């Protein structure tokens, strides 16, 4: 999985809101371990909308779960920074949310309300 920004370049003096580098994630499987993410890296700058796309089983949901602090278990290597500082997983869950593809969307809720219900 590779993330890239094809929109206009971000000014070099702007810090990313969220960045991750060299993320490797291994899980235990029968007979050993399996690497689910391999050297994943990316960044999100203020005002950007980011799409994470890839084939089935490419690790998109795993990456989002790792970035949001939802993932439990496994072996995680690499760095995740939020606003230029190492991410604090305990406080970070309150600052970032995403709606999984299988979540039920409520037609009467705003985007913010949907994120609050899903997070």
C-alpha atoms as a PDB file:
ATOM      1  CA  UNK A   1       0.000   0.000   0.000  1.00  0.00           C
ATOM      2  CA  UNK A   2       1.387   3.402  -0.921  1.00  0.00           C
ATOM      3  CA  UNK A   3      -0.031   6.778  -0.007  1.00  0.00           C
ATOM      4  CA  UNK A   4       0.647   9.820  -2.085  1.00  0.00           C
ATOM      5  CA  UNK A   5      -0.642  13.327  -2.361  1.00  0.00           C
ATOM      6  CA  UNK A   6      -1.496  14.226  -5.937  1.00  0.00           C
ATOM      7  CA  UNK A   7      -3.048  17.587  -5.073  1.00  0.00           C
ATOM      8  CA  UNK A   8      -1.139  20.843  -5.015  1.00  0.00           C
ATOM      9  CA  UNK A   9       1.979  20.728  -2.852  1.00  0.00           C
ATOM     10  CA  UNK A  10       1.711  21.672   0.797  1.00  0.00           C
ATOM     11  CA  UNK A  11       3.932  24.573   1.895  1.00  0.00           C
ATOM     12  CA  UNK A  12       7.124  23.285   3.490  1.00  0.00           C
ATOM     13  CA  UNK A  13       6.618  25.373   6.638  1.00  0.00           C
ATOM     14  CA  UNK A  14       3.378  23.555   7.558  1.00  0.00           C
ATOM     15  CA  UNK A  15       3.627  20.596   9.927  1.00  0.00           C
ATOM     16  CA  UNK A  16       1.484  17.558   9.163  1.00  0.00           C
ATOM     17  CA  UNK A  17      -1.401  17.002  11.538  1.00  0.00           C
ATOM     18  CA  UNK A  18      -0.759  13.275  11.459  1.00  0.00           C
ATOM     19  CA  UNK A  19       2.230  11.360  10.139  1.00  0.00           C
ATOM     20  CA  UNK A  20       3.394   7.773  10.306  1.00  0.00           C
ATOM     21  CA  UNK A  21       6.689   6.282   9.194  1.00  0.00           C
ATOM     22  CA  UNK A  22       8.041   2.775   8.704  1.00  0.00           C
ATOM     23  CA  UNK A  23       5.013   1.098  10.277  1.00  0.00           C
ATOM     24  CA  UNK A  24       5.341  -2.660  10.449  1.00  0.00           C
ATOM     25  CA  UNK A  25       2.639  -4.739  12.058  1.00  0.00           C
ATOM     26  CA  UNK A  26       2.894  -8.464  12.706  1.00  0.00           C
ATOM     27  CA  UNK A  27       0.197 -10.777  14.010  1.00  0.00           C
ATOM     28  CA  UNK A  28       0.458 -14.304  15.345  1.00  0.00           C
ATOM     29  CA  UNK A  29      -0.867 -17.007  13.068  1.00  0.00           C
ATOM     30  CA  UNK A  30      -0.774 -20.760  13.293  1.00  0.00           C
ATOM     31  CA  UNK A  31       2.860 -21.741  12.950  1.00  0.00           C
ATOM     32  CA  UNK A  32       4.401 -18.275  13.272  1.00  0.00           C
ATOM     33  CA  UNK A  33       3.707 -14.651  12.450  1.00  0.00           C
ATOM     34  CA  UNK A  34       2.323 -12.769   9.473  1.00  0.00           C
ATOM     35  CA  UNK A  35       3.310  -9.216   8.513  1.00  0.00           C
ATOM     36  CA  UNK A  36       0.120  -7.264   7.826  1.00  0.00           C
ATOM     37  CA  UNK A  37       1.771  -3.867   7.228  1.00  0.00           C
ATOM     38  CA  UNK A  38       5.243  -3.421   5.756  1.00  0.00           C
ATOM     39  CA  UNK A  39       7.004  -0.035   5.966  1.00  0.00           C
ATOM     40  CA  UNK A  40       3.772   1.958   5.676  1.00  0.00           C
ATOM     41  CA  UNK A  41       4.225   5.704   5.757  1.00  0.00           C
ATOM     42  CA  UNK A  42       2.212   8.806   5.061  1.00  0.00           C
ATOM     43  CA  UNK A  43       1.104  12.174   6.321  1.00  0.00           C
ATOM     44  CA  UNK A  44      -1.999  14.319   6.516  1.00  0.00           C
ATOM     45  CA  UNK A  45      -1.749  18.107   6.405  1.00  0.00           C
ATOM     46  CA  UNK A  46      -4.295  20.646   7.666  1.00  0.00           C
ATOM     47  CA  UNK A  47      -7.298  20.939   5.353  1.00  0.00           C
ATOM     48  CA  UNK A  48      -6.538  17.774   3.402  1.00  0.00           C
ATOM     49  CA  UNK A  49      -8.991  15.007   2.701  1.00  0.00           C
ATOM     50  CA  UNK A  50      -7.214  11.681   2.449  1.00  0.00           C
ATOM     51  CA  UNK A  51      -8.369   8.504   0.755  1.00  0.00           C
ATOM     52  CA  UNK A  52      -6.706   5.215   1.609  1.00  0.00           C
ATOM     53  CA  UNK A  53      -7.217   2.845  -1.281  1.00  0.00           C
ATOM     54  CA  UNK A  54      -5.947  -0.608  -2.033  1.00  0.00           C
ATOM     55  CA  UNK A  55      -6.865  -4.139  -2.920  1.00  0.00           C
ATOM     56  CA  UNK A  56      -8.782  -6.392  -0.587  1.00  0.00           C
ATOM     57  CA  UNK A  57      -6.582  -7.507   2.338  1.00  0.00           C
ATOM     58  CA  UNK A  58      -3.980  -4.796   1.590  1.00  0.00           C
ATOM     59  CA  UNK A  59      -4.060  -3.541   5.191  1.00  0.00           C
ATOM     60  CA  UNK A  60      -6.239  -0.427   4.880  1.00  0.00           C
ATOM     61  CA  UNK A  61      -8.452  -1.174   7.881  1.00  0.00           C
ATOM     62  CA  UNK A  62      -5.471  -2.361   9.907  1.00  0.00           C
ATOM     63  CA  UNK A  63      -3.674   0.928   9.188  1.00  0.00           C
ATOM     64  CA  UNK A  64      -6.704   2.973  10.234  1.00  0.00           C
ATOM     65  CA  UNK A  65      -7.107   0.896  13.392  1.00  0.00           C
ATOM     66  CA  UNK A  66      -3.434   1.428  14.257  1.00  0.00           C
ATOM     67  CA  UNK A  67      -3.554   5.174  13.582  1.00  0.00           C
ATOM     68  CA  UNK A  68      -6.717   5.615  15.638  1.00  0.00           C
ATOM     69  CA  UNK A  69      -5.462   3.517  18.558  1.00  0.00           C
ATOM     70  CA  UNK A  70      -8.147   0.853  18.164  1.00  0.00           C
ATOM     71  CA  UNK A  71      -5.785  -2.043  17.523  1.00  0.00           C
ATOM     72  CA  UNK A  72      -4.955  -4.436  20.336  1.00  0.00           C
ATOM     73  CA  UNK A  73      -2.273  -7.093  20.312  1.00  0.00           C
ATOM     74  CA  UNK A  74       0.201  -7.860  17.600  1.00  0.00           C
ATOM     75  CA  UNK A  75       3.659  -6.341  17.265  1.00  0.00           C
ATOM     76  CA  UNK A  76       3.832  -2.745  16.030  1.00  0.00           C
ATOM     77  CA  UNK A  77       7.040  -1.027  14.948  1.00  0.00           C
ATOM     78  CA  UNK A  78       7.538   2.458  13.551  1.00  0.00           C
ATOM     79  CA  UNK A  79       6.486   5.949  14.553  1.00  0.00           C
ATOM     80  CA  UNK A  80       3.190   7.816  14.642  1.00  0.00           C
ATOM     81  CA  UNK A  81       3.140  11.548  15.294  1.00  0.00           C
ATOM     82  CA  UNK A  82       0.225  13.864  15.926  1.00  0.00           C
ATOM     83  CA  UNK A  83       0.862  17.594  15.532  1.00  0.00           C
ATOM     84  CA  UNK A  84       4.624  17.036  15.556  1.00  0.00           C
ATOM     85  CA  UNK A  85       4.781  14.974  18.761  1.00  0.00           C
ATOM     86  CA  UNK A  86       4.632  11.225  19.369  1.00  0.00           C
ATOM     87  CA  UNK A  87       1.023  10.098  19.504  1.00  0.00           C
ATOM     88  CA  UNK A  88      -0.407   9.360  22.950  1.00  0.00           C
ATOM     89  CA  UNK A  89      -2.749   6.408  22.282  1.00  0.00           C
ATOM     90  CA  UNK A  90      -4.921   7.084  25.332  1.00  0.00           C
ATOM     91  CA  UNK A  91      -5.779  10.700  24.483  1.00  0.00           C
ATOM     92  CA  UNK A  92      -5.654  10.221  20.730  1.00  0.00           C
ATOM     93  CA  UNK A  93      -8.898   8.217  20.549  1.00  0.00           C
ATOM     94  CA  UNK A  94     -10.750  11.388  21.521  1.00  0.00           C
ATOM     95  CA  UNK A  95      -9.155  13.414  18.709  1.00  0.00           C
ATOM     96  CA  UNK A  96      -9.454  11.123  15.705  1.00  0.00           C
ATOM     97  CA  UNK A  97     -12.326   9.023  14.464  1.00  0.00           C
ATOM     98  CA  UNK A  98     -13.352   7.187  11.359  1.00  0.00           C
ATOM     99  CA  UNK A  99     -16.429   5.361  10.213  1.00  0.00           C
ATOM    100  CA  UNK A 100     -15.877   1.801   9.075  1.00  0.00           C
ATOM    101  CA  UNK A 101     -17.405   0.743   5.785  1.00  0.00           C
ATOM    102  CA  UNK A 102     -19.776  -1.693   7.474  1.00  0.00           C
ATOM    103  CA  UNK A 103     -21.151   0.813   9.987  1.00  0.00           C
ATOM    104  CA  UNK A 104     -24.797   1.701   9.661  1.00  0.00           C
ATOM    105  CA  UNK A 105     -25.226   5.287   8.516  1.00  0.00           C
ATOM    106  CA  UNK A 106     -28.054   7.177  10.162  1.00  0.00           C
ATOM    107  CA  UNK A 107     -29.670   9.547   7.642  1.00  0.00           C
ATOM    108  CA  UNK A 108     -30.671  12.069  10.312  1.00  0.00           C
ATOM    109  CA  UNK A 109     -27.188  12.423  11.875  1.00  0.00           C
ATOM    110  CA  UNK A 110     -24.531  14.920  10.880  1.00  0.00           C
ATOM    111  CA  UNK A 111     -21.033  13.719   9.945  1.00  0.00           C
ATOM    112  CA  UNK A 112     -19.801  14.731  13.410  1.00  0.00           C
ATOM    113  CA  UNK A 113     -22.626  12.847  15.125  1.00  0.00           C
ATOM    114  CA  UNK A 114     -21.966   9.763  12.992  1.00  0.00           C
ATOM    115  CA  UNK A 115     -18.289   9.829  13.998  1.00  0.00           C
ATOM    116  CA  UNK A 116     -19.210  10.187  17.667  1.00  0.00           C
ATOM    117  CA  UNK A 117     -21.584   7.220  17.496  1.00  0.00           C
ATOM    118  CA  UNK A 118     -19.061   5.072  15.585  1.00  0.00           C
ATOM    119  CA  UNK A 119     -15.915   5.943  17.534  1.00  0.00           C
END
